[in-house]
Amino acid sequence: MQDIVSRLEQQLSDDIRRIHLPDSNSAARHAARRLNAVAEHAPAFLAVLAEPWLDGPVSERTQQLLSDCARIHLYARVLDDALDEDLAVCRQNLLRAQPIFWQAVQRIGANVSATVASEAEQLIHQTVSAVQNDDLWRDPRYWGPKNHHLLLVPLLLSENSATYQACRAGLSNLIALVQAGDEWKQGVLANAPLRDHLLDFVKQCLDPEQLAILSRLGWQGAAERIVWNADQLIGVLSDPSCVSMP
């Protein structure tokens, strides 16, 4: 698994150098930090989502799909920054990211059936809808769906299998908990009603049956990560003095 993670880290670093032109001004440095964080943190998380396919020799198809899903995730960050940061450098990065994005999409289309491709489109629709809804009203229920492009990994690798369908909700919860950590770092959880809502959501993520399904069907690492992330968030949410700290 570590070999796959290292390859993805290198690939994303190379892609970022193609997308972002280095500059000494503060806006460019900020944009670079945002993109480099993807190369640093995303590969290990993508490997968690792909865990059932990384236990043993990794096929060329798995490596290619993981590579393309990593590029889709990088593109999502570039797009998010172009929309939210209101910086010229982020808009230029979005333009330069287009060839990488389209190459990834075309390769994915060539590697999966029309039925699976249709399911992938639905994930992107869910992502866009959840982002729009969360912008209007912050709600932890949207924090998994607004990152559902990450579910492309298990969807494509499994070819939308029954196993994936059984684990989909649990994997979405894992994504939501990771997003909740980001929201905490941004100070969003200083809002008391949102904090209470999130605490209820976190407790739901610890449903024993759902965790057992994940572990039994190959996502043991994801189940363990849910428990760890939930424990960290419960600790933070139980101590209001810590909620607004980065």
C-alpha atoms as a PDB file:
ATOM      1  CA  MET A   1       0.000   0.000   0.000  1.00  0.00           C
ATOM      2  CA  GLN A   2       2.805   2.420   0.830  1.00  0.00           C
ATOM      3  CA  ASP A   3       4.185   2.040  -2.687  1.00  0.00           C
ATOM      4  CA  ILE A   4       0.825   3.107  -4.122  1.00  0.00           C
ATOM      5  CA  VAL A   5       0.659   6.075  -1.745  1.00  0.00           C
ATOM      6  CA  SER A   6       4.159   7.178  -2.736  1.00  0.00           C
ATOM      7  CA  ARG A   7       3.303   6.950  -6.428  1.00  0.00           C
ATOM      8  CA  LEU A   8       0.186   9.053  -5.957  1.00  0.00           C
ATOM      9  CA  GLU A   9       2.120  11.634  -3.952  1.00  0.00           C
ATOM     10  CA  GLN A  10       4.680  11.937  -6.747  1.00  0.00           C
ATOM     11  CA  GLN A  11       2.024  12.095  -9.449  1.00  0.00           C
ATOM     12  CA  LEU A  12       0.069  14.835  -7.689  1.00  0.00           C
ATOM     13  CA  SER A  13       3.236  16.821  -7.010  1.00  0.00           C
ATOM     14  CA  ASP A  14       4.105  16.621 -10.709  1.00  0.00           C
ATOM     15  CA  ASP A  15       0.574  17.658 -11.683  1.00  0.00           C
ATOM     16  CA  ILE A  16       0.675  20.617  -9.307  1.00  0.00           C
ATOM     17  CA  ARG A  17       3.884  21.834 -10.930  1.00  0.00           C
ATOM     18  CA  ARG A  18       2.056  21.793 -14.272  1.00  0.00           C
ATOM     19  CA  ILE A  19      -0.935  23.662 -12.843  1.00  0.00           C
ATOM     20  CA  HIS A  20       0.593  26.234 -10.513  1.00  0.00           C
ATOM     21  CA  LEU A  21       3.306  28.677 -11.600  1.00  0.00           C
ATOM     22  CA  PRO A  22       5.511  29.591  -8.616  1.00  0.00           C
ATOM     23  CA  ASP A  23       5.554  33.236  -7.568  1.00  0.00           C
ATOM     24  CA  SER A  24       6.783  35.114  -4.524  1.00  0.00           C
ATOM     25  CA  ASN A  25       3.572  37.043  -3.847  1.00  0.00           C
ATOM     26  CA  SER A  26       1.371  36.029  -0.913  1.00  0.00           C
ATOM     27  CA  ALA A  27      -1.609  34.986  -3.048  1.00  0.00           C
ATOM     28  CA  ALA A  28       0.502  32.553  -5.057  1.00  0.00           C
ATOM     29  CA  ARG A  29       2.083  31.123  -1.915  1.00  0.00           C
ATOM     30  CA  HIS A  30      -1.360  30.622  -0.386  1.00  0.00           C
ATOM     31  CA  ALA A  31      -2.599  28.855  -3.525  1.00  0.00           C
ATOM     32  CA  ALA A  32       0.486  26.644  -3.562  1.00  0.00           C
ATOM     33  CA  ARG A  33      -0.020  25.608   0.064  1.00  0.00           C
ATOM     34  CA  ARG A  34      -3.616  24.623  -0.682  1.00  0.00           C
ATOM     35  CA  LEU A  35      -2.600  22.450  -3.623  1.00  0.00           C
ATOM     36  CA  ASN A  36       0.439  20.924  -1.936  1.00  0.00           C
ATOM     37  CA  ALA A  37      -1.810  19.852   0.948  1.00  0.00           C
ATOM     38  CA  VAL A  38      -3.670  17.650  -1.540  1.00  0.00           C
ATOM     39  CA  ALA A  39      -0.449  15.924  -2.591  1.00  0.00           C
ATOM     40  CA  GLU A  40       0.524  15.473   1.054  1.00  0.00           C
ATOM     41  CA  HIS A  41      -2.726  14.157   2.513  1.00  0.00           C
ATOM     42  CA  ALA A  42      -4.979  12.803  -0.256  1.00  0.00           C
ATOM     43  CA  PRO A  43      -2.982   9.718  -1.335  1.00  0.00           C
ATOM     44  CA  ALA A  44      -3.195   7.992   2.049  1.00  0.00           C
ATOM     45  CA  PHE A  45      -6.929   8.690   2.262  1.00  0.00           C
ATOM     46  CA  LEU A  46      -7.530   7.419  -1.270  1.00  0.00           C
ATOM     47  CA  ALA A  47      -5.689   4.250  -0.263  1.00  0.00           C
ATOM     48  CA  VAL A  48      -8.101   3.793   2.652  1.00  0.00           C
ATOM     49  CA  LEU A  49     -11.034   4.015   0.229  1.00  0.00           C
ATOM     50  CA  ALA A  50      -9.305   1.494  -2.063  1.00  0.00           C
ATOM     51  CA  GLU A  51      -8.247  -0.873   0.736  1.00  0.00           C
ATOM     52  CA  PRO A  52      -9.951  -4.071  -0.566  1.00  0.00           C
ATOM     53  CA  TRP A  53      -8.007  -3.783  -3.846  1.00  0.00           C
ATOM     54  CA  LEU A  54      -4.617  -3.103  -2.256  1.00  0.00           C
ATOM     55  CA  ASP A  55      -4.348  -6.312  -0.240  1.00  0.00           C
ATOM     56  CA  GLY A  56      -1.854  -8.155  -2.416  1.00  0.00           C
ATOM     57  CA  PRO A  57      -0.607  -7.484  -5.961  1.00  0.00           C
ATOM     58  CA  VAL A  58      -2.197  -4.346  -7.381  1.00  0.00           C
ATOM     59  CA  SER A  59      -3.493  -4.638 -10.938  1.00  0.00           C
ATOM     60  CA  GLU A  60      -2.626  -2.140 -13.646  1.00  0.00           C
ATOM     61  CA  ARG A  61      -6.317  -1.217 -13.896  1.00  0.00           C
ATOM     62  CA  THR A  62      -6.476  -0.447 -10.180  1.00  0.00           C
ATOM     63  CA  GLN A  63      -3.362   1.706 -10.378  1.00  0.00           C
ATOM     64  CA  GLN A  64      -4.716   3.632 -13.363  1.00  0.00           C
ATOM     65  CA  LEU A  65      -8.132   4.241 -11.813  1.00  0.00           C
ATOM     66  CA  LEU A  66      -6.547   5.369  -8.561  1.00  0.00           C
ATOM     67  CA  SER A  67      -4.302   7.712 -10.497  1.00  0.00           C
ATOM     68  CA  ASP A  68      -7.230   9.231 -12.354  1.00  0.00           C
ATOM     69  CA  CYS A  69      -9.357   9.528  -9.192  1.00  0.00           C
ATOM     70  CA  ALA A  70      -6.457  11.349  -7.515  1.00  0.00           C
ATOM     71  CA  ARG A  71      -6.431  13.809 -10.404  1.00  0.00           C
ATOM     72  CA  ILE A  72     -10.200  14.301 -10.106  1.00  0.00           C
ATOM     73  CA  HIS A  73      -9.704  15.104  -6.424  1.00  0.00           C
ATOM     74  CA  LEU A  74      -6.931  17.581  -7.229  1.00  0.00           C
ATOM     75  CA  TYR A  75      -9.188  19.191  -9.814  1.00  0.00           C
ATOM     76  CA  ALA A  76     -11.940  19.502  -7.187  1.00  0.00           C
ATOM     77  CA  ARG A  77      -9.534  21.476  -4.975  1.00  0.00           C
ATOM     78  CA  VAL A  78      -8.493  23.696  -7.894  1.00  0.00           C
ATOM     79  CA  LEU A  79     -12.147  24.350  -8.759  1.00  0.00           C
ATOM     80  CA  ASP A  80     -13.058  25.000  -5.122  1.00  0.00           C
ATOM     81  CA  ASP A  81     -10.263  27.539  -4.774  1.00  0.00           C
ATOM     82  CA  ALA A  82     -11.196  29.286  -8.021  1.00  0.00           C
ATOM     83  CA  LEU A  83     -14.767  29.672  -6.735  1.00  0.00           C
ATOM     84  CA  ASP A  84     -14.027  30.567  -3.115  1.00  0.00           C
ATOM     85  CA  GLU A  85     -10.676  32.344  -2.918  1.00  0.00           C
ATOM     86  CA  ASP A  86     -11.398  35.129  -5.441  1.00  0.00           C
ATOM     87  CA  LEU A  87      -7.764  35.220  -6.536  1.00  0.00           C
ATOM     88  CA  ALA A  88      -6.502  35.591 -10.089  1.00  0.00           C
ATOM     89  CA  VAL A  89      -3.876  32.906  -9.481  1.00  0.00           C
ATOM     90  CA  CYS A  90      -6.615  30.385  -8.595  1.00  0.00           C
ATOM     91  CA  ARG A  91      -8.546  31.178 -11.770  1.00  0.00           C
ATOM     92  CA  GLN A  92      -5.384  30.712 -13.837  1.00  0.00           C
ATOM     93  CA  ASN A  93      -4.747  27.403 -12.076  1.00  0.00           C
ATOM     94  CA  LEU A  94      -8.248  26.259 -13.038  1.00  0.00           C
ATOM     95  CA  LEU A  95      -7.496  26.971 -16.698  1.00  0.00           C
ATOM     96  CA  ARG A  96      -4.196  25.086 -16.595  1.00  0.00           C
ATOM     97  CA  ALA A  97      -5.853  22.133 -14.840  1.00  0.00           C
ATOM     98  CA  GLN A  98      -8.266  21.494 -17.721  1.00  0.00           C
ATOM     99  CA  PRO A  99      -6.049  19.137 -19.797  1.00  0.00           C
ATOM    100  CA  ILE A 100      -5.236  17.015 -16.724  1.00  0.00           C
ATOM    101  CA  PHE A 101      -8.914  16.845 -15.766  1.00  0.00           C
ATOM    102  CA  TRP A 102     -10.117  15.858 -19.226  1.00  0.00           C
ATOM    103  CA  GLN A 103      -7.413  13.249 -19.624  1.00  0.00           C
ATOM    104  CA  ALA A 104      -8.490  11.652 -16.337  1.00  0.00           C
ATOM    105  CA  VAL A 105     -12.184  11.696 -17.262  1.00  0.00           C
ATOM    106  CA  GLN A 106     -11.530  10.161 -20.676  1.00  0.00           C
ATOM    107  CA  ARG A 107      -9.392   7.376 -19.215  1.00  0.00           C
ATOM    108  CA  ILE A 108     -12.015   6.580 -16.596  1.00  0.00           C
ATOM    109  CA  GLY A 109     -14.651   6.368 -19.331  1.00  0.00           C
ATOM    110  CA  ALA A 110     -12.481   3.928 -21.255  1.00  0.00           C
ATOM    111  CA  ASN A 111     -11.997   1.713 -18.190  1.00  0.00           C
ATOM    112  CA  VAL A 112     -15.586   1.266 -16.998  1.00  0.00           C
ATOM    113  CA  SER A 113     -18.942   0.211 -18.391  1.00  0.00           C
ATOM    114  CA  ALA A 114     -21.645   2.673 -19.413  1.00  0.00           C
ATOM    115  CA  THR A 115     -23.651   1.666 -16.331  1.00  0.00           C
ATOM    116  CA  VAL A 116     -20.795   2.393 -13.950  1.00  0.00           C
ATOM    117  CA  ALA A 117     -20.050   5.651 -15.787  1.00  0.00           C
ATOM    118  CA  SER A 118     -23.668   6.684 -15.213  1.00  0.00           C
ATOM    119  CA  GLU A 119     -23.312   5.964 -11.477  1.00  0.00           C
ATOM    120  CA  ALA A 120     -20.146   8.080 -11.466  1.00  0.00           C
ATOM    121  CA  GLU A 121     -22.073  10.967 -12.992  1.00  0.00           C
ATOM    122  CA  GLN A 122     -24.631  10.648 -10.198  1.00  0.00           C
ATOM    123  CA  LEU A 123     -21.849  10.994  -7.613  1.00  0.00           C
ATOM    124  CA  ILE A 124     -20.768  14.247  -9.238  1.00  0.00           C
ATOM    125  CA  HIS A 125     -24.370  15.500  -9.282  1.00  0.00           C
ATOM    126  CA  GLN A 126     -24.582  14.722  -5.552  1.00  0.00           C
ATOM    127  CA  THR A 127     -21.309  16.556  -4.954  1.00  0.00           C
ATOM    128  CA  VAL A 128     -22.468  19.701  -6.744  1.00  0.00           C
ATOM    129  CA  SER A 129     -25.906  19.693  -5.092  1.00  0.00           C
ATOM    130  CA  ALA A 130     -24.472  19.200  -1.602  1.00  0.00           C
ATOM    131  CA  VAL A 131     -21.936  22.003  -2.078  1.00  0.00           C
ATOM    132  CA  GLN A 132     -24.713  24.372  -3.129  1.00  0.00           C
ATOM    133  CA  ASN A 133     -26.934  23.368  -0.204  1.00  0.00           C
ATOM    134  CA  ASP A 134     -24.108  23.598   2.328  1.00  0.00           C
ATOM    135  CA  ASP A 135     -23.247  27.077   1.073  1.00  0.00           C
ATOM    136  CA  LEU A 136     -26.803  28.132   1.879  1.00  0.00           C
ATOM    137  CA  TRP A 137     -27.005  26.371   5.251  1.00  0.00           C
ATOM    138  CA  ARG A 138     -24.135  24.586   6.962  1.00  0.00           C
ATOM    139  CA  ASP A 139     -25.210  21.062   7.841  1.00  0.00           C
ATOM    140  CA  PRO A 140     -23.047  17.990   8.613  1.00  0.00           C
ATOM    141  CA  ARG A 141     -25.406  15.895   6.494  1.00  0.00           C
ATOM    142  CA  TYR A 142     -23.939  17.615   3.434  1.00  0.00           C
ATOM    143  CA  TRP A 143     -20.282  17.159   4.374  1.00  0.00           C
ATOM    144  CA  GLY A 144     -20.006  13.618   3.063  1.00  0.00           C
ATOM    145  CA  PRO A 145     -22.052  14.175  -0.112  1.00  0.00           C
ATOM    146  CA  LYS A 146     -20.245  17.402  -0.990  1.00  0.00           C
ATOM    147  CA  ASN A 147     -17.103  15.281  -1.278  1.00  0.00           C
ATOM    148  CA  HIS A 148     -18.723  12.311  -3.002  1.00  0.00           C
ATOM    149  CA  HIS A 149     -16.294  12.610  -5.897  1.00  0.00           C
ATOM    150  CA  LEU A 150     -14.023  10.641  -3.513  1.00  0.00           C
ATOM    151  CA  LEU A 151     -16.445   7.706  -3.708  1.00  0.00           C
ATOM    152  CA  LEU A 152     -15.381   7.345  -7.332  1.00  0.00           C
ATOM    153  CA  VAL A 153     -12.532   5.210  -5.957  1.00  0.00           C
ATOM    154  CA  PRO A 154     -14.625   2.336  -4.515  1.00  0.00           C
ATOM    155  CA  LEU A 155     -17.391   2.773  -7.111  1.00  0.00           C
ATOM    156  CA  LEU A 156     -15.068   2.375 -10.095  1.00  0.00           C
ATOM    157  CA  LEU A 157     -12.834  -0.298  -8.590  1.00  0.00           C
ATOM    158  CA  SER A 158     -15.830  -2.407  -7.524  1.00  0.00           C
ATOM    159  CA  GLU A 159     -17.792  -1.725 -10.705  1.00  0.00           C
ATOM    160  CA  ASN A 160     -20.692  -0.682  -8.475  1.00  0.00           C
ATOM    161  CA  SER A 161     -20.830  -4.068  -6.734  1.00  0.00           C
ATOM    162  CA  ALA A 162     -23.258  -5.061  -3.998  1.00  0.00           C
ATOM    163  CA  THR A 163     -20.329  -4.934  -1.563  1.00  0.00           C
ATOM    164  CA  TYR A 164     -19.695  -1.283  -2.432  1.00  0.00           C
ATOM    165  CA  GLN A 165     -23.393  -0.496  -2.120  1.00  0.00           C
ATOM    166  CA  ALA A 166     -23.483  -2.082   1.344  1.00  0.00           C
ATOM    167  CA  CYS A 167     -20.511   0.021   2.474  1.00  0.00           C
ATOM    168  CA  ARG A 168     -21.321   3.242   0.669  1.00  0.00           C
ATOM    169  CA  ALA A 169     -23.046   4.949   3.614  1.00  0.00           C
ATOM    170  CA  GLY A 170     -20.204   4.093   5.973  1.00  0.00           C
ATOM    171  CA  LEU A 171     -17.578   5.386   3.534  1.00  0.00           C
ATOM    172  CA  SER A 172     -19.602   8.571   3.079  1.00  0.00           C
ATOM    173  CA  ASN A 173     -19.645   9.008   6.857  1.00  0.00           C
ATOM    174  CA  LEU A 174     -15.876   8.666   6.945  1.00  0.00           C
ATOM    175  CA  ILE A 175     -15.552  11.404   4.338  1.00  0.00           C
ATOM    176  CA  ALA A 176     -17.946  13.592   6.365  1.00  0.00           C
ATOM    177  CA  LEU A 177     -15.882  13.156   9.534  1.00  0.00           C
ATOM    178  CA  VAL A 178     -12.698  14.172   7.738  1.00  0.00           C
ATOM    179  CA  GLN A 179     -14.512  17.222   6.357  1.00  0.00           C
ATOM    180  CA  ALA A 180     -15.730  18.022   9.874  1.00  0.00           C
ATOM    181  CA  GLY A 181     -12.105  18.174  10.990  1.00  0.00           C
ATOM    182  CA  ASP A 182     -11.437  20.726   8.261  1.00  0.00           C
ATOM    183  CA  GLU A 183     -14.491  22.743   9.315  1.00  0.00           C
ATOM    184  CA  TRP A 184     -13.178  22.770  12.889  1.00  0.00           C
ATOM    185  CA  LYS A 185      -9.778  24.060  11.745  1.00  0.00           C
ATOM    186  CA  GLN A 186     -11.569  26.865   9.889  1.00  0.00           C
ATOM    187  CA  GLY A 187     -13.439  27.900  13.047  1.00  0.00           C
ATOM    188  CA  VAL A 188     -16.878  27.011  11.660  1.00  0.00           C
ATOM    189  CA  LEU A 189     -17.812  24.975  14.739  1.00  0.00           C
ATOM    190  CA  ALA A 190     -17.920  28.051  16.952  1.00  0.00           C
ATOM    191  CA  ASN A 191     -21.602  28.095  15.969  1.00  0.00           C
ATOM    192  CA  ALA A 192     -23.348  26.358  18.892  1.00  0.00           C
ATOM    193  CA  PRO A 193     -26.380  24.912  17.018  1.00  0.00           C
ATOM    194  CA  LEU A 194     -24.099  23.546  14.297  1.00  0.00           C
ATOM    195  CA  ARG A 195     -21.843  22.055  16.963  1.00  0.00           C
ATOM    196  CA  ASP A 196     -24.774  20.251  18.584  1.00  0.00           C
ATOM    197  CA  HIS A 197     -25.993  19.009  15.219  1.00  0.00           C
ATOM    198  CA  LEU A 198     -22.535  17.710  14.379  1.00  0.00           C
ATOM    199  CA  LEU A 199     -22.248  15.910  17.709  1.00  0.00           C
ATOM    200  CA  ASP A 200     -25.474  14.029  16.955  1.00  0.00           C
ATOM    201  CA  PHE A 201     -24.202  13.190  13.480  1.00  0.00           C
ATOM    202  CA  VAL A 202     -20.854  11.927  14.801  1.00  0.00           C
ATOM    203  CA  LYS A 203     -22.598   9.602  17.229  1.00  0.00           C
ATOM    204  CA  GLN A 204     -24.690   8.185  14.359  1.00  0.00           C
ATOM    205  CA  CYS A 205     -21.477   7.437  12.465  1.00  0.00           C
ATOM    206  CA  LEU A 206     -20.483   5.052  15.265  1.00  0.00           C
ATOM    207  CA  ASP A 207     -23.342   2.670  14.496  1.00  0.00           C
ATOM    208  CA  PRO A 208     -21.836  -0.745  15.368  1.00  0.00           C
ATOM    209  CA  GLU A 209     -23.612  -2.598  12.566  1.00  0.00           C
ATOM    210  CA  GLN A 210     -22.316  -0.213   9.924  1.00  0.00           C
ATOM    211  CA  LEU A 211     -18.768  -0.428  11.289  1.00  0.00           C
ATOM    212  CA  ALA A 212     -18.979  -4.221  11.339  1.00  0.00           C
ATOM    213  CA  ILE A 213     -20.090  -4.295   7.697  1.00  0.00           C
ATOM    214  CA  LEU A 214     -17.139  -2.141   6.666  1.00  0.00           C
ATOM    215  CA  SER A 215     -14.671  -4.359   8.508  1.00  0.00           C
ATOM    216  CA  ARG A 216     -16.182  -7.607   7.242  1.00  0.00           C
ATOM    217  CA  LEU A 217     -16.268  -6.508   3.594  1.00  0.00           C
ATOM    218  CA  GLY A 218     -12.699  -5.247   3.367  1.00  0.00           C
ATOM    219  CA  TRP A 219     -12.638  -1.699   4.726  1.00  0.00           C
ATOM    220  CA  GLN A 220     -11.211  -2.401   8.172  1.00  0.00           C
ATOM    221  CA  GLY A 221      -8.975   0.663   7.945  1.00  0.00           C
ATOM    222  CA  ALA A 222     -11.981   2.836   7.137  1.00  0.00           C
ATOM    223  CA  ALA A 223     -13.893   1.480  10.144  1.00  0.00           C
ATOM    224  CA  GLU A 224     -10.919   2.177  12.412  1.00  0.00           C
ATOM    225  CA  ARG A 225     -10.538   5.654  10.964  1.00  0.00           C
ATOM    226  CA  ILE A 226     -14.218   6.424  11.610  1.00  0.00           C
ATOM    227  CA  VAL A 227     -13.833   5.478  15.264  1.00  0.00           C
ATOM    228  CA  TRP A 228     -10.631   7.524  15.615  1.00  0.00           C
ATOM    229  CA  ASN A 229     -12.011  10.614  13.868  1.00  0.00           C
ATOM    230  CA  ALA A 230     -15.278  10.417  15.791  1.00  0.00           C
ATOM    231  CA  ASP A 231     -13.420  10.152  19.095  1.00  0.00           C
ATOM    232  CA  GLN A 232     -11.326  13.218  18.235  1.00  0.00           C
ATOM    233  CA  LEU A 233     -14.379  15.234  17.231  1.00  0.00           C
ATOM    234  CA  ILE A 234     -16.384  14.238  20.299  1.00  0.00           C
ATOM    235  CA  GLY A 235     -13.483  15.431  22.440  1.00  0.00           C
ATOM    236  CA  VAL A 236     -13.408  18.784  20.658  1.00  0.00           C
ATOM    237  CA  LEU A 237     -17.167  19.223  20.608  1.00  0.00           C
ATOM    238  CA  SER A 238     -17.409  18.418  24.320  1.00  0.00           C
ATOM    239  CA  ASP A 239     -15.016  21.280  25.108  1.00  0.00           C
ATOM    240  CA  PRO A 240     -16.472  24.485  23.608  1.00  0.00           C
ATOM    241  CA  SER A 241     -13.312  26.434  24.495  1.00  0.00           C
ATOM    242  CA  CYS A 242     -11.436  24.361  21.875  1.00  0.00           C
ATOM    243  CA  VAL A 243     -13.995  24.504  19.079  1.00  0.00           C
ATOM    244  CA  SER A 244     -12.791  27.725  17.457  1.00  0.00           C
ATOM    245  CA  MET A 245      -9.101  26.864  17.685  1.00  0.00           C
ATOM    246  CA  PRO A 246      -7.279  26.090  14.409  1.00  0.00           C
END
